[in-house]
Structure formats: C-alpha cells, structure tokens
PDB file of N, CA and C in Angstrom:
ATOM      1  N   MET A   1      98.943  71.030 122.805  1.00  0.00           N
ATOM      2  CA  MET A   1     100.108  71.505 123.555  1.00  0.00           C
ATOM      3  C   MET A   1      99.846  71.120 124.986  1.00  0.00           C
ATOM      4  N   VAL A   2     100.749  70.558 125.716  1.00  0.00           N
ATOM      5  CA  VAL A   2     100.807  70.176 127.091  1.00  0.00           C
ATOM      6  C   VAL A   2     100.867  71.553 127.955  1.00  0.00           C
ATOM      7  N   ALA A   3     100.208  71.453 129.090  1.00  0.00           N
ATOM      8  CA  ALA A   3     100.214  72.666 129.981  1.00  0.00           C
ATOM      9  C   ALA A   3     101.525  72.834 130.518  1.00  0.00           C
ATOM     10  N   GLY A   4     101.932  74.069 130.477  1.00  0.00           N
ATOM     11  CA  GLY A   4     103.359  74.440 130.930  1.00  0.00           C
ATOM     12  C   GLY A   4     104.470  74.423 129.684  1.00  0.00           C
ATOM     13  N   GLU A   5     103.963  74.050 128.481  1.00  0.00           N
ATOM     14  CA  GLU A   5     104.950  73.874 127.406  1.00  0.00           C
ATOM     15  C   GLU A   5     104.656  75.261 126.706  1.00  0.00           C
ATOM     16  N   ARG A   6     105.702  75.768 126.159  1.00  0.00           N
ATOM     17  CA  ARG A   6     105.650  77.048 125.456  1.00  0.00           C
ATOM     18  C   ARG A   6     105.519  76.633 123.894  1.00  0.00           C
ATOM     19  N   ALA A   7     104.827  77.703 123.331  1.00  0.00           N
ATOM     20  CA  ALA A   7     104.687  77.687 121.817  1.00  0.00           C
ATOM     21  C   ALA A   7     105.962  77.846 121.272  1.00  0.00           C
ATOM     22  N   ALA A   8     106.284  77.293 120.010  1.00  0.00           N
ATOM     23  CA  ALA A   8     107.382  77.685 119.145  1.00  0.00           C
ATOM     24  C   ALA A   8     107.564  79.029 118.879  1.00  0.00           C
ATOM     25  N   PRO A   9     108.760  79.565 119.010  1.00  0.00           N
ATOM     26  CA  PRO A   9     108.904  80.953 118.883  1.00  0.00           C
ATOM     27  C   PRO A   9     108.464  81.716 117.647  1.00  0.00           C
ATOM     28  N   GLY A  10     108.423  81.066 116.500  1.00  0.00           N
ATOM     29  CA  GLY A  10     107.996  81.715 115.261  1.00  0.00           C
ATOM     30  C   GLY A  10     106.361  81.384 114.939  1.00  0.00           C
ATOM     31  N   THR A  11     105.677  80.740 115.867  1.00  0.00           N
ATOM     32  CA  THR A  11     104.459  80.437 115.503  1.00  0.00           C
ATOM     33  C   THR A  11     103.483  81.716 115.638  1.00  0.00           C
ATOM     34  N   ARG A  12     103.958  82.691 116.415  1.00  0.00           N
ATOM     35  CA  ARG A  12     103.135  83.857 116.602  1.00  0.00           C
ATOM     36  C   ARG A  12     103.455  85.016 115.579  1.00  0.00           C
ATOM     37  N   PHE A  13     104.673  84.854 114.973  1.00  0.00           N
ATOM     38  CA  PHE A  13     104.963  85.666 114.025  1.00  0.00           C
ATOM     39  C   PHE A  13     104.796  85.296 112.607  1.00  0.00           C
ATOM     40  N   ALA A  14     104.798  84.142 112.379  1.00  0.00           N
ATOM     41  CA  ALA A  14     104.689  83.580 110.895  1.00  0.00           C
ATOM     42  C   ALA A  14     103.364  84.087 110.169  1.00  0.00           C
ATOM     43  N   PRO A  15     102.166  83.955 110.783  1.00  0.00           N
ATOM     44  CA  PRO A  15     100.983  84.485 110.041  1.00  0.00           C
ATOM     45  C   PRO A  15     101.082  86.049 109.772  1.00  0.00           C
ATOM     46  N   SER A  16     101.707  86.715 110.641  1.00  0.00           N
ATOM     47  CA  SER A  16     101.885  88.158 110.407  1.00  0.00           C
ATOM     48  C   SER A  16     102.719  88.481 109.334  1.00  0.00           C
ATOM     49  N   ILE A  17     103.844  87.740 109.273  1.00  0.00           N
ATOM     50  CA  ILE A  17     104.823  87.825 108.120  1.00  0.00           C
ATOM     51  C   ILE A  17     104.104  87.498 106.807  1.00  0.00           C
ATOM     52  N   LEU A  18     103.464  86.487 106.883  1.00  0.00           N
ATOM     53  CA  LEU A  18     102.694  86.050 105.613  1.00  0.00           C
ATOM     54  C   LEU A  18     101.735  87.039 105.101  1.00  0.00           C
ATOM     55  N   ALA A  19     100.963  87.559 106.070  1.00  0.00           N
ATOM     56  CA  ALA A  19      99.900  88.568 105.688  1.00  0.00           C
ATOM     57  C   ALA A  19     100.579  89.912 105.276  1.00  0.00           C
ATOM     58  N   THR A  20     101.665  90.330 105.969  1.00  0.00           N
ATOM     59  CA  THR A  20     102.363  91.420 105.473  1.00  0.00           C
ATOM     60  C   THR A  20     102.851  91.406 103.933  1.00  0.00           C
ATOM     61  N   VAL A  21     103.580  90.205 103.664  1.00  0.00           N
ATOM     62  CA  VAL A  21     103.950  89.806 102.300  1.00  0.00           C
ATOM     63  C   VAL A  21     102.825  89.896 101.374  1.00  0.00           C
ATOM     64  N   LEU A  22     101.654  89.187 101.654  1.00  0.00           N
ATOM     65  CA  LEU A  22     100.446  89.081 100.942  1.00  0.00           C
ATOM     66  C   LEU A  22      99.949  90.594 100.659  1.00  0.00           C
ATOM     67  N   GLY A  23      99.889  91.305 101.767  1.00  0.00           N
ATOM     68  CA  GLY A  23      99.438  92.714 101.430  1.00  0.00           C
ATOM     69  C   GLY A  23     100.287  93.418 100.468  1.00  0.00           C
ATOM     70  N   VAL A  24     101.674  93.377 100.522  1.00  0.00           N
ATOM     71  CA  VAL A  24     102.447  94.119  99.552  1.00  0.00           C
ATOM     72  C   VAL A  24     102.188  93.594  98.078  1.00  0.00           C
ATOM     73  N   TRP A  25     102.062  92.264  97.972  1.00  0.00           N
ATOM     74  CA  TRP A  25     101.690  91.702  96.614  1.00  0.00           C
ATOM     75  C   TRP A  25     100.539  92.008  96.036  1.00  0.00           C
ATOM     76  N   MET A  26      99.620  92.243  97.005  1.00  0.00           N
ATOM     77  CA  MET A  26      98.203  92.737  96.376  1.00  0.00           C
ATOM     78  C   MET A  26      98.218  94.142  96.062  1.00  0.00           C
ATOM     79  N   LEU A  27      98.957  95.013  96.833  1.00  0.00           N
ATOM     80  CA  LEU A  27      99.129  96.414  96.240  1.00  0.00           C
ATOM     81  C   LEU A  27      99.905  96.474  95.068  1.00  0.00           C
ATOM     82  N   PHE A  28     100.797  95.667  94.842  1.00  0.00           N
ATOM     83  CA  PHE A  28     101.636  95.526  93.461  1.00  0.00           C
ATOM     84  C   PHE A  28     100.574  95.138  92.454  1.00  0.00           C
ATOM     85  N   CYS A  29      99.862  94.252  92.668  1.00  0.00           N
ATOM     86  CA  CYS A  29      98.968  93.740  91.714  1.00  0.00           C
ATOM     87  C   CYS A  29      97.814  94.848  91.418  1.00  0.00           C
ATOM     88  N   ALA A  30      97.441  95.492  92.426  1.00  0.00           N
ATOM     89  CA  ALA A  30      96.415  96.634  92.178  1.00  0.00           C
ATOM     90  C   ALA A  30      97.027  97.686  91.260  1.00  0.00           C
ATOM     91  N   GLY A  31      98.413  97.964  91.592  1.00  0.00           N
ATOM     92  CA  GLY A  31      99.027  98.973  90.734  1.00  0.00           C
ATOM     93  C   GLY A  31      99.036  98.645  89.355  1.00  0.00           C
ATOM     94  N   LEU A  32      99.448  97.273  89.186  1.00  0.00           N
ATOM     95  CA  LEU A  32      99.444  96.709  87.679  1.00  0.00           C
ATOM     96  C   LEU A  32      98.208  96.824  86.975  1.00  0.00           C
ATOM     97  N   ALA A  33      97.109  96.526  87.654  1.00  0.00           N
ATOM     98  CA  ALA A  33      95.824  96.497  87.234  1.00  0.00           C
ATOM     99  C   ALA A  33      95.230  98.067  86.916  1.00  0.00           C
ATOM    100  N   ALA A  34      95.831  98.953  87.775  1.00  0.00           N
ATOM    101  CA  ALA A  34      95.419 100.229  87.589  1.00  0.00           C
ATOM    102  C   ALA A  34      96.111 100.830  86.296  1.00  0.00           C
ATOM    103  N   VAL A  35      97.249 100.579  86.134  1.00  0.00           N
ATOM    104  CA  VAL A  35      97.991 101.036  85.034  1.00  0.00           C
ATOM    105  C   VAL A  35      97.318 100.474  83.712  1.00  0.00           C
ATOM    106  N   ASP A  36      97.132  99.215  83.744  1.00  0.00           N
ATOM    107  CA  ASP A  36      96.468  98.576  82.610  1.00  0.00           C
ATOM    108  C   ASP A  36      94.933  99.233  82.410  1.00  0.00           C
ATOM    109  N   ALA A  37      94.210  99.469  83.488  1.00  0.00           N
ATOM    110  CA  ALA A  37      92.923 100.130  83.305  1.00  0.00           C
ATOM    111  C   ALA A  37      93.027 101.528  82.706  1.00  0.00           C
ATOM    112  N   PHE A  38      93.971 102.194  83.085  1.00  0.00           N
ATOM    113  CA  PHE A  38      94.037 103.714  82.459  1.00  0.00           C
ATOM    114  C   PHE A  38      94.806 103.600  81.138  1.00  0.00           C
ATOM    115  N   GLU A  39      95.485 102.577  80.753  1.00  0.00           N
ATOM    116  CA  GLU A  39      96.042 102.516  79.429  1.00  0.00           C
ATOM    117  C   GLU A  39      95.005 102.112  78.350  1.00  0.00           C
ATOM    118  N   SER A  40      94.152 101.171  78.727  1.00  0.00           N
ATOM    119  CA  SER A  40      93.203 100.680  77.692  1.00  0.00           C
ATOM    120  C   SER A  40      91.951 101.158  77.965  1.00  0.00           C
ATOM    121  N   PHE A  41      91.663 101.793  78.931  1.00  0.00           N
ATOM    122  CA  PHE A  41      90.255 102.383  79.341  1.00  0.00           C
ATOM    123  C   PHE A  41      89.296 101.252  79.509  1.00  0.00           C
ATOM    124  N   SER A  42      89.822 100.132  80.143  1.00  0.00           N
ATOM    125  CA  SER A  42      88.790  99.042  80.431  1.00  0.00           C
ATOM    126  C   SER A  42      88.117  99.389  81.721  1.00  0.00           C
ATOM    127  N   ASP A  43      87.181  98.444  82.030  1.00  0.00           N
ATOM    128  CA  ASP A  43      86.530  98.583  83.272  1.00  0.00           C
ATOM    129  C   ASP A  43      87.138  97.815  84.523  1.00  0.00           C
ATOM    130  N   THR A  44      88.368  97.779  84.558  1.00  0.00           N
ATOM    131  CA  THR A  44      88.950  97.026  85.769  1.00  0.00           C
ATOM    132  C   THR A  44      89.361  98.161  86.792  1.00  0.00           C
ATOM    133  N   ARG A  45      89.032  99.310  86.728  1.00  0.00           N
ATOM    134  CA  ARG A  45      89.412 100.301  87.645  1.00  0.00           C
ATOM    135  C   ARG A  45      88.653 100.062  89.045  1.00  0.00           C
ATOM    136  N   ALA A  46      87.485  99.621  88.939  1.00  0.00           N
ATOM    137  CA  ALA A  46      86.803  99.276  90.180  1.00  0.00           C
ATOM    138  C   ALA A  46      87.344  97.954  90.910  1.00  0.00           C
ATOM    139  N   VAL A  47      87.890  97.024  89.948  1.00  0.00           N
ATOM    140  CA  VAL A  47      88.563  95.799  90.586  1.00  0.00           C
ATOM    141  C   VAL A  47      89.831  96.167  91.164  1.00  0.00           C
ATOM    142  N   SER A  48      90.663  96.971  90.448  1.00  0.00           N
ATOM    143  CA  SER A  48      91.830  97.402  91.055  1.00  0.00           C
ATOM    144  C   SER A  48      91.898  98.175  92.413  1.00  0.00           C
ATOM    145  N   ALA A  49      90.771  98.977  92.444  1.00  0.00           N
ATOM    146  CA  ALA A  49      90.500  99.720  93.629  1.00  0.00           C
ATOM    147  C   ALA A  49      89.934  98.874  94.899  1.00  0.00           C
ATOM    148  N   VAL A  50      89.318  97.712  94.504  1.00  0.00           N
ATOM    149  CA  VAL A  50      89.007  96.877  95.631  1.00  0.00           C
ATOM    150  C   VAL A  50      90.033  96.026  95.956  1.00  0.00           C
ATOM    151  N   VAL A  51      90.901  95.610  95.007  1.00  0.00           N
ATOM    152  CA  VAL A  51      92.237  94.906  95.464  1.00  0.00           C
ATOM    153  C   VAL A  51      93.053  95.747  96.146  1.00  0.00           C
ATOM    154  N   PHE A  52      93.082  97.082  95.906  1.00  0.00           N
ATOM    155  CA  PHE A  52      93.985  97.989  96.619  1.00  0.00           C
ATOM    156  C   PHE A  52      93.593  98.059  97.976  1.00  0.00           C
ATOM    157  N   VAL A  53      92.285  98.196  98.245  1.00  0.00           N
ATOM    158  CA  VAL A  53      91.611  98.539  99.653  1.00  0.00           C
ATOM    159  C   VAL A  53      91.999  97.116 100.357  1.00  0.00           C
ATOM    160  N   LEU A  54      91.839  95.878  99.758  1.00  0.00           N
ATOM    161  CA  LEU A  54      91.946  94.657 100.482  1.00  0.00           C
ATOM    162  C   LEU A  54      93.412  94.453 100.646  1.00  0.00           C
ATOM    163  N   GLY A  55      94.346  94.920  99.895  1.00  0.00           N
ATOM    164  CA  GLY A  55      95.782  94.730 100.096  1.00  0.00           C
ATOM    165  C   GLY A  55      96.255  95.690 101.199  1.00  0.00           C
ATOM    166  N   LEU A  56      95.663  97.032 101.121  1.00  0.00           N
ATOM    167  CA  LEU A  56      96.132  97.965 102.246  1.00  0.00           C
ATOM    168  C   LEU A  56      95.685  97.339 103.577  1.00  0.00           C
ATOM    169  N   ALA A  57      94.349  96.794 103.734  1.00  0.00           N
ATOM    170  CA  ALA A  57      93.938  96.238 105.010  1.00  0.00           C
ATOM    171  C   ALA A  57      94.700  95.059 105.304  1.00  0.00           C
ATOM    172  N   THR A  58      95.029  94.167 104.551  1.00  0.00           N
ATOM    173  CA  THR A  58      95.907  92.991 104.757  1.00  0.00           C
ATOM    174  C   THR A  58      97.253  93.413 105.342  1.00  0.00           C
ATOM    175  N   LEU A  59      97.912  94.414 104.450  1.00  0.00           N
ATOM    176  CA  LEU A  59      99.199  94.871 105.022  1.00  0.00           C
ATOM    177  C   LEU A  59      99.012  95.484 106.411  1.00  0.00           C
ATOM    178  N   SER A  60      98.081  96.362 106.590  1.00  0.00           N
ATOM    179  CA  SER A  60      97.845  96.968 107.971  1.00  0.00           C
ATOM    180  C   SER A  60      97.649  96.168 109.065  1.00  0.00           C
ATOM    181  N   ILE A  61      96.768  95.039 108.809  1.00  0.00           N
ATOM    182  CA  ILE A  61      96.638  94.214 110.061  1.00  0.00           C
ATOM    183  C   ILE A  61      97.707  93.136 110.176  1.00  0.00           C
ATOM    184  N   GLY A  62      98.480  92.825 109.164  1.00  0.00           N
ATOM    185  CA  GLY A  62      99.768  92.184 109.309  1.00  0.00           C
ATOM    186  C   GLY A  62     100.720  92.800 110.064  1.00  0.00           C
ATOM    187  N   ILE A  63     100.956  93.986 109.897  1.00  0.00           N
ATOM    188  CA  ILE A  63     101.863  94.848 110.623  1.00  0.00           C
ATOM    189  C   ILE A  63     101.358  95.076 112.049  1.00  0.00           C
ATOM    190  N   ALA A  64     100.204  95.320 112.317  1.00  0.00           N
ATOM    191  CA  ALA A  64      99.563  95.510 113.544  1.00  0.00           C
ATOM    192  C   ALA A  64      99.761  94.271 114.380  1.00  0.00           C
ATOM    193  N   ARG A  65      99.365  93.156 113.761  1.00  0.00           N
ATOM    194  CA  ARG A  65      99.538  91.942 114.642  1.00  0.00           C
ATOM    195  C   ARG A  65     101.072  91.571 114.901  1.00  0.00           C
ATOM    196  N   LEU A  66     101.838  91.931 113.976  1.00  0.00           N
ATOM    197  CA  LEU A  66     103.336  91.669 114.102  1.00  0.00           C
ATOM    198  C   LEU A  66     103.735  92.287 115.369  1.00  0.00           C
ATOM    199  N   SER A  67     103.240  93.807 115.527  1.00  0.00           N
ATOM    200  CA  SER A  67     103.909  94.585 116.484  1.00  0.00           C
ATOM    201  C   SER A  67     103.210  94.021 117.934  1.00  0.00           C
ATOM    202  N   VAL A  68     102.102  93.322 118.007  1.00  0.00           N
ATOM    203  CA  VAL A  68     101.511  93.018 119.207  1.00  0.00           C
ATOM    204  C   VAL A  68     101.420  91.499 119.472  1.00  0.00           C
ATOM    205  N   ALA A  69     102.215  90.785 118.629  1.00  0.00           N
ATOM    206  CA  ALA A  69     102.060  89.242 118.626  1.00  0.00           C
ATOM    207  C   ALA A  69     102.233  88.760 119.940  1.00  0.00           C
ATOM    208  N   ARG A  70     103.314  89.179 120.607  1.00  0.00           N
ATOM    209  CA  ARG A  70     103.713  88.568 122.077  1.00  0.00           C
ATOM    210  C   ARG A  70     102.798  88.994 123.143  1.00  0.00           C
ATOM    211  N   LYS A  71     102.045  90.179 122.929  1.00  0.00           N
ATOM    212  CA  LYS A  71     101.444  90.745 124.052  1.00  0.00           C
ATOM    213  C   LYS A  71     100.024  90.486 124.167  1.00  0.00           C
ATOM    214  N   SER A  72      99.286  90.337 122.970  1.00  0.00           N
ATOM    215  CA  SER A  72      97.813  90.083 123.048  1.00  0.00           C
ATOM    216  C   SER A  72      97.377  89.207 121.839  1.00  0.00           C
ATOM    217  N   ARG A  73      96.378  88.460 122.089  1.00  0.00           N
ATOM    218  CA  ARG A  73      95.715  87.543 121.024  1.00  0.00           C
ATOM    219  C   ARG A  73      94.488  88.294 120.560  1.00  0.00           C
ATOM    220  N   GLY A  74      94.193  89.482 120.852  1.00  0.00           N
ATOM    221  CA  GLY A  74      93.027  90.204 120.632  1.00  0.00           C
ATOM    222  C   GLY A  74      92.725  90.401 119.091  1.00  0.00           C
ATOM    223  N   LEU A  75      93.727  90.489 118.262  1.00  0.00           N
ATOM    224  CA  LEU A  75      93.748  90.709 116.844  1.00  0.00           C
ATOM    225  C   LEU A  75      93.359  89.556 116.016  1.00  0.00           C
ATOM    226  N   ASP A  76      93.488  88.358 116.702  1.00  0.00           N
ATOM    227  CA  ASP A  76      93.358  87.136 115.884  1.00  0.00           C
ATOM    228  C   ASP A  76      92.077  86.866 114.988  1.00  0.00           C
ATOM    229  N   LEU A  77      91.056  87.154 115.653  1.00  0.00           N
ATOM    230  CA  LEU A  77      89.699  87.161 114.812  1.00  0.00           C
ATOM    231  C   LEU A  77      89.522  88.192 113.747  1.00  0.00           C
ATOM    232  N   LEU A  78      90.128  89.308 114.063  1.00  0.00           N
ATOM    233  CA  LEU A  78      90.100  90.447 113.062  1.00  0.00           C
ATOM    234  C   LEU A  78      91.069  90.108 111.900  1.00  0.00           C
ATOM    235  N   PHE A  79      92.118  89.588 112.388  1.00  0.00           N
ATOM    236  CA  PHE A  79      93.216  89.174 111.430  1.00  0.00           C
ATOM    237  C   PHE A  79      92.640  88.047 110.505  1.00  0.00           C
ATOM    238  N   ALA A  80      92.059  87.083 111.129  1.00  0.00           N
ATOM    239  CA  ALA A  80      91.508  86.002 110.283  1.00  0.00           C
ATOM    240  C   ALA A  80      90.449  86.551 109.144  1.00  0.00           C
ATOM    241  N   GLY A  81      89.599  87.511 109.792  1.00  0.00           N
ATOM    242  CA  GLY A  81      88.493  88.104 108.916  1.00  0.00           C
ATOM    243  C   GLY A  81      89.020  88.866 107.793  1.00  0.00           C
ATOM    244  N   VAL A  82      90.017  89.745 107.999  1.00  0.00           N
ATOM    245  CA  VAL A  82      90.727  90.568 107.017  1.00  0.00           C
ATOM    246  C   VAL A  82      91.447  89.757 105.845  1.00  0.00           C
ATOM    247  N   VAL A  83      92.255  88.772 106.493  1.00  0.00           N
ATOM    248  CA  VAL A  83      92.905  87.948 105.388  1.00  0.00           C
ATOM    249  C   VAL A  83      91.851  86.952 104.719  1.00  0.00           C
ATOM    250  N   GLY A  84      90.867  86.525 105.316  1.00  0.00           N
ATOM    251  CA  GLY A  84      89.743  85.763 104.808  1.00  0.00           C
ATOM    252  C   GLY A  84      89.081  86.559 103.632  1.00  0.00           C
ATOM    253  N   ALA A  85      88.813  87.926 103.989  1.00  0.00           N
ATOM    254  CA  ALA A  85      88.316  88.687 102.798  1.00  0.00           C
ATOM    255  C   ALA A  85      89.168  88.936 101.763  1.00  0.00           C
ATOM    256  N   ALA A  86      90.437  89.100 101.918  1.00  0.00           N
ATOM    257  CA  ALA A  86      91.464  89.203 100.805  1.00  0.00           C
ATOM    258  C   ALA A  86      91.501  87.820  99.919  1.00  0.00           C
ATOM    259  N   VAL A  87      91.394  86.571 100.631  1.00  0.00           N
ATOM    260  CA  VAL A  87      91.358  85.476  99.965  1.00  0.00           C
ATOM    261  C   VAL A  87      89.966  85.386  99.120  1.00  0.00           C
ATOM    262  N   VAL A  88      88.885  85.495  99.864  1.00  0.00           N
ATOM    263  CA  VAL A  88      87.500  85.532  99.035  1.00  0.00           C
ATOM    264  C   VAL A  88      87.478  86.533  97.821  1.00  0.00           C
ATOM    265  N   GLY A  89      88.060  87.675  98.161  1.00  0.00           N
ATOM    266  CA  GLY A  89      88.080  88.799  97.215  1.00  0.00           C
ATOM    267  C   GLY A  89      89.050  88.365  95.905  1.00  0.00           C
ATOM    268  N   SER A  90      90.076  87.781  96.194  1.00  0.00           N
ATOM    269  CA  SER A  90      90.983  87.517  95.042  1.00  0.00           C
ATOM    270  C   SER A  90      90.340  86.276  94.258  1.00  0.00           C
ATOM    271  N   LEU A  91      89.742  85.392  94.924  1.00  0.00           N
ATOM    272  CA  LEU A  91      89.092  84.258  94.330  1.00  0.00           C
ATOM    273  C   LEU A  91      87.972  84.829  93.430  1.00  0.00           C
ATOM    274  N   LEU A  92      87.143  85.845  93.783  1.00  0.00           N
ATOM    275  CA  LEU A  92      86.132  86.438  93.048  1.00  0.00           C
ATOM    276  C   LEU A  92      86.545  87.159  91.955  1.00  0.00           C
ATOM    277  N   MET A  93      87.829  87.645  91.970  1.00  0.00           N
ATOM    278  CA  MET A  93      88.526  88.532  90.780  1.00  0.00           C
ATOM    279  C   MET A  93      89.434  87.760  90.137  1.00  0.00           C
ATOM    280  N   PHE A  94      89.154  86.454  89.957  1.00  0.00           N
ATOM    281  CA  PHE A  94      90.037  85.606  89.223  1.00  0.00           C
ATOM    282  C   PHE A  94      90.135  85.923  87.763  1.00  0.00           C
ATOM    283  N   ASN A  95      88.949  86.337  87.263  1.00  0.00           N
ATOM    284  CA  ASN A  95      88.864  86.724  85.763  1.00  0.00           C
ATOM    285  C   ASN A  95      89.756  88.040  85.395  1.00  0.00           C
ATOM    286  N   ALA A  96      89.916  88.932  86.305  1.00  0.00           N
ATOM    287  CA  ALA A  96      90.652  90.253  86.064  1.00  0.00           C
ATOM    288  C   ALA A  96      92.085  89.871  86.285  1.00  0.00           C
ATOM    289  N   TYR A  97      92.523  88.931  87.290  1.00  0.00           N
ATOM    290  CA  TYR A  97      93.900  88.876  87.531  1.00  0.00           C
ATOM    291  C   TYR A  97      94.516  87.496  87.156  1.00  0.00           C
ATOM    292  N   GLY A  98      93.697  86.521  87.088  1.00  0.00           N
ATOM    293  CA  GLY A  98      94.313  85.204  86.901  1.00  0.00           C
ATOM    294  C   GLY A  98      95.106  84.646  88.094  1.00  0.00           C
ATOM    295  N   PRO A  99      96.092  83.903  87.694  1.00  0.00           N
ATOM    296  CA  PRO A  99      96.862  83.355  88.795  1.00  0.00           C
ATOM    297  C   PRO A  99      97.905  84.214  89.360  1.00  0.00           C
ATOM    298  N   LEU A 100      98.018  85.519  88.866  1.00  0.00           N
ATOM    299  CA  LEU A 100      98.961  86.571  89.436  1.00  0.00           C
ATOM    300  C   LEU A 100      98.573  86.856  90.848  1.00  0.00           C
ATOM    301  N   LEU A 101      97.292  86.821  91.143  1.00  0.00           N
ATOM    302  CA  LEU A 101      96.753  87.142  92.478  1.00  0.00           C
ATOM    303  C   LEU A 101      96.362  85.894  93.229  1.00  0.00           C
ATOM    304  N   VAL A 102      95.705  85.038  92.643  1.00  0.00           N
ATOM    305  CA  VAL A 102      95.203  83.802  93.290  1.00  0.00           C
ATOM    306  C   VAL A 102      96.107  82.898  93.827  1.00  0.00           C
ATOM    307  N   LEU A 103      97.293  82.583  93.047  1.00  0.00           N
ATOM    308  CA  LEU A 103      98.270  81.591  93.647  1.00  0.00           C
ATOM    309  C   LEU A 103      98.889  82.243  94.906  1.00  0.00           C
ATOM    310  N   PRO A 104      99.419  83.486  94.927  1.00  0.00           N
ATOM    311  CA  PRO A 104      99.943  83.968  96.142  1.00  0.00           C
ATOM    312  C   PRO A 104      99.001  84.053  97.321  1.00  0.00           C
ATOM    313  N   VAL A 105      97.913  84.411  97.000  1.00  0.00           N
ATOM    314  CA  VAL A 105      96.856  84.472  98.079  1.00  0.00           C
ATOM    315  C   VAL A 105      96.642  82.979  98.773  1.00  0.00           C
ATOM    316  N   LEU A 106      96.451  82.073  97.854  1.00  0.00           N
ATOM    317  CA  LEU A 106      96.287  80.540  98.367  1.00  0.00           C
ATOM    318  C   LEU A 106      97.601  80.337  99.181  1.00  0.00           C
ATOM    319  N   LEU A 107      98.757  80.647  98.670  1.00  0.00           N
ATOM    320  CA  LEU A 107     100.018  80.046  99.338  1.00  0.00           C
ATOM    321  C   LEU A 107     100.378  80.866 100.570  1.00  0.00           C
ATOM    322  N   LEU A 108      99.907  82.187 100.544  1.00  0.00           N
ATOM    323  CA  LEU A 108     100.101  82.951 101.759  1.00  0.00           C
ATOM    324  C   LEU A 108      99.064  83.155 102.692  1.00  0.00           C
ATOM    325  N   GLY A 109      97.902  83.345 102.171  1.00  0.00           N
ATOM    326  CA  GLY A 109      96.808  83.777 102.988  1.00  0.00           C
ATOM    327  C   GLY A 109      96.179  82.615 103.758  1.00  0.00           C
ATOM    328  N   LEU A 110      95.742  81.532 102.925  1.00  0.00           N
ATOM    329  CA  LEU A 110      95.273  80.349 103.675  1.00  0.00           C
ATOM    330  C   LEU A 110      96.157  79.800 104.777  1.00  0.00           C
ATOM    331  N   PRO A 111      97.417  79.574 104.718  1.00  0.00           N
ATOM    332  CA  PRO A 111      98.215  79.078 105.829  1.00  0.00           C
ATOM    333  C   PRO A 111      98.173  80.149 106.971  1.00  0.00           C
ATOM    334  N   SER A 112      98.257  81.362 106.717  1.00  0.00           N
ATOM    335  CA  SER A 112      98.305  82.311 107.846  1.00  0.00           C
ATOM    336  C   SER A 112      96.900  82.233 108.540  1.00  0.00           C
ATOM    337  N   ILE A 113      95.853  82.081 107.822  1.00  0.00           N
ATOM    338  CA  ILE A 113      94.534  81.992 108.585  1.00  0.00           C
ATOM    339  C   ILE A 113      94.399  80.760 109.283  1.00  0.00           C
ATOM    340  N   LEU A 114      94.767  79.615 108.741  1.00  0.00           N
ATOM    341  CA  LEU A 114      94.818  78.386 109.493  1.00  0.00           C
ATOM    342  C   LEU A 114      95.626  78.412 110.690  1.00  0.00           C
ATOM    343  N   VAL A 115      96.999  79.023 110.795  1.00  0.00           N
ATOM    344  CA  VAL A 115      97.607  79.003 111.929  1.00  0.00           C
ATOM    345  C   VAL A 115      97.046  79.977 112.984  1.00  0.00           C
ATOM    346  N   VAL A 116      96.552  81.050 112.518  1.00  0.00           N
ATOM    347  CA  VAL A 116      95.922  81.949 113.530  1.00  0.00           C
ATOM    348  C   VAL A 116      94.719  81.251 114.090  1.00  0.00           C
ATOM    349  N   LEU A 117      93.916  80.787 113.384  1.00  0.00           N
ATOM    350  CA  LEU A 117      92.634  79.935 113.948  1.00  0.00           C
ATOM    351  C   LEU A 117      93.091  78.833 114.794  1.00  0.00           C
ATOM    352  N   TYR A 118      94.120  78.079 114.501  1.00  0.00           N
ATOM    353  CA  TYR A 118      94.608  77.005 115.372  1.00  0.00           C
ATOM    354  C   TYR A 118      95.107  77.598 116.713  1.00  0.00           C
ATOM    355  N   GLU A 119      95.878  78.802 116.641  1.00  0.00           N
ATOM    356  CA  GLU A 119      96.315  79.258 117.848  1.00  0.00           C
ATOM    357  C   GLU A 119      95.300  79.853 118.734  1.00  0.00           C
ATOM    358  N   ALA A 120      94.229  80.593 118.125  1.00  0.00           N
ATOM    359  CA  ALA A 120      93.090  81.161 118.783  1.00  0.00           C
ATOM    360  C   ALA A 120      92.275  80.137 119.551  1.00  0.00           C
ATOM    361  N   ARG A 121      92.116  78.966 119.102  1.00  0.00           N
ATOM    362  CA  ARG A 121      91.414  77.926 119.751  1.00  0.00           C
ATOM    363  C   ARG A 121      92.274  77.200 120.933  1.00  0.00           C
ATOM    364  N   LYS A 122      93.555  77.425 120.890  1.00  0.00           N
ATOM    365  CA  LYS A 122      94.254  76.838 122.006  1.00  0.00           C
ATOM    366  C   LYS A 122      94.166  77.796 123.304  1.00  0.00           C
ATOM    367  N   PRO A 123      94.427  77.127 124.427  1.00  0.00           N
ATOM    368  CA  PRO A 123      94.440  78.034 125.659  1.00  0.00           C
ATOM    369  C   PRO A 123      95.622  78.889 125.644  1.00  0.00           C
ATOM    370  N   GLU A 124      95.400  80.087 126.247  1.00  0.00           N
ATOM    371  CA  GLU A 124      96.644  80.983 126.502  1.00  0.00           C
ATOM    372  C   GLU A 124      97.796  80.353 127.172  1.00  0.00           C
ATOM    373  N   PHE A 125      98.871  80.344 126.558  1.00  0.00           N
ATOM    374  CA  PHE A 125     100.077  79.742 127.082  1.00  0.00           C
ATOM    375  C   PHE A 125     100.861  80.828 128.029  1.00  0.00           C
ATOM    376  N   VAL A 126     101.513  80.255 129.079  1.00  0.00           N
ATOM    377  CA  VAL A 126     102.165  81.091 130.014  1.00  0.00           C
ATOM    378  C   VAL A 126     103.470  81.454 129.592  1.00  0.00           C
TER     379      VAL A 126
END
C-alpha cells in the first residue's frame, strides 16, 4: 500500500467476521459430538470439550477484534494465535469429526489468519 492510501473498508472486519462464524460452527460441532458421546458412551467427550473450548475462544476473540478493529491493532497476534490453535486443533481431531469441522476451519480460519498477518506486517495507516 502506498503512503497516504487508505485500506479497503472491509479488510479490518473480514477476519473478525470469519472467526466469529468459525467459532459458532465449532460450538455447534462440539454440541453434536457431546450428544453423540453421551448417547453411545464413547470416549469423544474429551474431544468435544477441547473443540468447545477452542470454539469459545475463537468466537470470543472474533467478537473482541470486531469491536476494536478500527481503533487498535493490538489483538492481531493474539487473534492469529487463537484462530491458529483452532485450525491445528481441528486438524488433529480429524478422526473424531472428519470433514464436518476440518472443511469450515480451512475455509474460514486460514484466510482470516492470512489477512490478519498480512495487515500486521504493513505499517499503520493514517
């Protein structure tokens, strides 16, 4: 970006919206796994608890960054870390969830991380 040029209006909000949608989807998947775990007494309770915690963290950081997207860039690294943990966690839990969790995480999580990291390395715009 050239000095004095403004960023596109949606670039600060797009990663936050993607992370918020991803967090809601992860909470939905954790609920499905919890119902299945208590119905069949399988050992996926821990898996659903981990996905629930990651989904709650992703939803929280998405909403927090959405509320301060115009004011501060201080949450960028924390945002990338939390969403990155959600991506890695969902990839590690592929056996329990399959494409139900992995595809949305790859389609929503990775682009939001890439946009945030791209914005974080640019100088602050005026």
